[in-house]
Amino acid sequence: MSKKKPSKKEIETVISNMIVHLRALEERVVGLDNLLGMYLQYKKENNSFQEFVNKKLEEAKGNEGNK
């Protein structure tokens, strides 16, 4: 069986669907980011969490140099 090449219209449809799904994913990520921010404010742990994240980012940067 030989595979036929997808038509231009089929490619456009696939790309369009991917864009729609990517936008939906972006909206979910933004929503989760906002929710996490509100939760940290509620628990009054925003500063300690930011310090934790910064520490982990510095550790990750240090580990990249060791590879």
C-alpha atoms as a PDB file:
ATOM      1  CA  MET A   1       0.000   0.000   0.000  1.00  0.00           C
ATOM      2  CA  SER A   2       1.359   3.366  -0.946  1.00  0.00           C
ATOM      3  CA  LYS A   3       0.645   6.351   1.218  1.00  0.00           C
ATOM      4  CA  LYS A   4      -0.731   9.387  -0.515  1.00  0.00           C
ATOM      5  CA  LYS A   5       0.581  12.785   0.429  1.00  0.00           C
ATOM      6  CA  PRO A   6      -1.755  14.866   2.556  1.00  0.00           C
ATOM      7  CA  SER A   7      -3.445  17.674   0.715  1.00  0.00           C
ATOM      8  CA  LYS A   8      -2.797  21.306   1.535  1.00  0.00           C
ATOM      9  CA  LYS A   9      -6.284  21.516   3.067  1.00  0.00           C
ATOM     10  CA  GLU A  10      -5.605  18.508   5.336  1.00  0.00           C
ATOM     11  CA  ILE A  11      -2.337  20.052   6.514  1.00  0.00           C
ATOM     12  CA  GLU A  12      -4.081  23.373   7.198  1.00  0.00           C
ATOM     13  CA  THR A  13      -6.793  21.572   9.176  1.00  0.00           C
ATOM     14  CA  VAL A  14      -4.265  19.694  11.310  1.00  0.00           C
ATOM     15  CA  ILE A  15      -2.261  22.853  12.023  1.00  0.00           C
ATOM     16  CA  SER A  16      -5.424  24.787  12.839  1.00  0.00           C
ATOM     17  CA  ASN A  17      -6.512  22.069  15.287  1.00  0.00           C
ATOM     18  CA  MET A  18      -3.072  22.099  16.910  1.00  0.00           C
ATOM     19  CA  ILE A  19      -3.280  25.876  17.359  1.00  0.00           C
ATOM     20  CA  VAL A  20      -6.704  25.572  19.003  1.00  0.00           C
ATOM     21  CA  HIS A  21      -5.455  22.872  21.377  1.00  0.00           C
ATOM     22  CA  LEU A  22      -2.328  24.869  22.180  1.00  0.00           C
ATOM     23  CA  ARG A  23      -4.411  27.941  23.049  1.00  0.00           C
ATOM     24  CA  ALA A  24      -6.648  25.854  25.309  1.00  0.00           C
ATOM     25  CA  LEU A  25      -3.575  24.425  27.015  1.00  0.00           C
ATOM     26  CA  GLU A  26      -2.156  27.923  27.471  1.00  0.00           C
ATOM     27  CA  GLU A  27      -5.410  29.062  29.111  1.00  0.00           C
ATOM     28  CA  ARG A  28      -5.285  26.119  31.505  1.00  0.00           C
ATOM     29  CA  VAL A  29      -1.663  26.826  32.453  1.00  0.00           C
ATOM     30  CA  VAL A  30      -2.455  30.499  33.093  1.00  0.00           C
ATOM     31  CA  GLY A  31      -5.456  29.470  35.190  1.00  0.00           C
ATOM     32  CA  LEU A  32      -3.363  27.067  37.253  1.00  0.00           C
ATOM     33  CA  ASP A  33      -0.670  29.711  37.694  1.00  0.00           C
ATOM     34  CA  ASN A  34      -3.275  32.180  38.954  1.00  0.00           C
ATOM     35  CA  LEU A  35      -4.781  29.570  41.243  1.00  0.00           C
ATOM     36  CA  LEU A  36      -1.387  28.704  42.728  1.00  0.00           C
ATOM     37  CA  GLY A  37      -0.657  32.398  43.272  1.00  0.00           C
ATOM     38  CA  MET A  38      -3.980  32.895  45.062  1.00  0.00           C
ATOM     39  CA  TYR A  39      -3.403  29.807  47.208  1.00  0.00           C
ATOM     40  CA  LEU A  40       0.033  31.017  48.259  1.00  0.00           C
ATOM     41  CA  GLN A  41      -1.414  34.408  49.173  1.00  0.00           C
ATOM     42  CA  TYR A  42      -4.168  32.681  51.140  1.00  0.00           C
ATOM     43  CA  LYS A  43      -1.632  30.595  53.044  1.00  0.00           C
ATOM     44  CA  LYS A  44       0.661  33.647  53.383  1.00  0.00           C
ATOM     45  CA  GLU A  45       3.590  31.581  52.083  1.00  0.00           C
ATOM     46  CA  ASN A  46       4.321  33.567  48.948  1.00  0.00           C
ATOM     47  CA  ASN A  47       7.757  34.807  50.055  1.00  0.00           C
ATOM     48  CA  SER A  48       8.970  31.458  51.374  1.00  0.00           C
ATOM     49  CA  PHE A  49       7.771  29.726  48.208  1.00  0.00           C
ATOM     50  CA  GLN A  50       9.570  32.294  46.024  1.00  0.00           C
ATOM     51  CA  GLU A  51      12.776  31.706  48.009  1.00  0.00           C
ATOM     52  CA  PHE A  52      12.355  27.947  47.561  1.00  0.00           C
ATOM     53  CA  VAL A  53      11.863  28.316  43.791  1.00  0.00           C
ATOM     54  CA  ASN A  54      14.886  30.595  43.460  1.00  0.00           C
ATOM     55  CA  LYS A  55      17.024  28.127  45.422  1.00  0.00           C
ATOM     56  CA  LYS A  56      15.925  25.228  43.206  1.00  0.00           C
ATOM     57  CA  LEU A  57      16.593  27.263  40.043  1.00  0.00           C
ATOM     58  CA  GLU A  58      20.111  28.067  41.245  1.00  0.00           C
ATOM     59  CA  GLU A  59      20.703  24.380  42.019  1.00  0.00           C
ATOM     60  CA  ALA A  60      19.474  23.434  38.543  1.00  0.00           C
ATOM     61  CA  LYS A  61      21.803  25.984  36.945  1.00  0.00           C
ATOM     62  CA  GLY A  62      24.703  24.543  38.930  1.00  0.00           C
ATOM     63  CA  ASN A  63      23.812  21.024  37.815  1.00  0.00           C
ATOM     64  CA  GLU A  64      23.722  22.025  34.139  1.00  0.00           C
ATOM     65  CA  GLY A  65      27.391  22.936  34.290  1.00  0.00           C
ATOM     66  CA  ASN A  66      28.265  19.472  35.598  1.00  0.00           C
ATOM     67  CA  LYS A  67      26.830  17.657  32.570  1.00  0.00           C
END
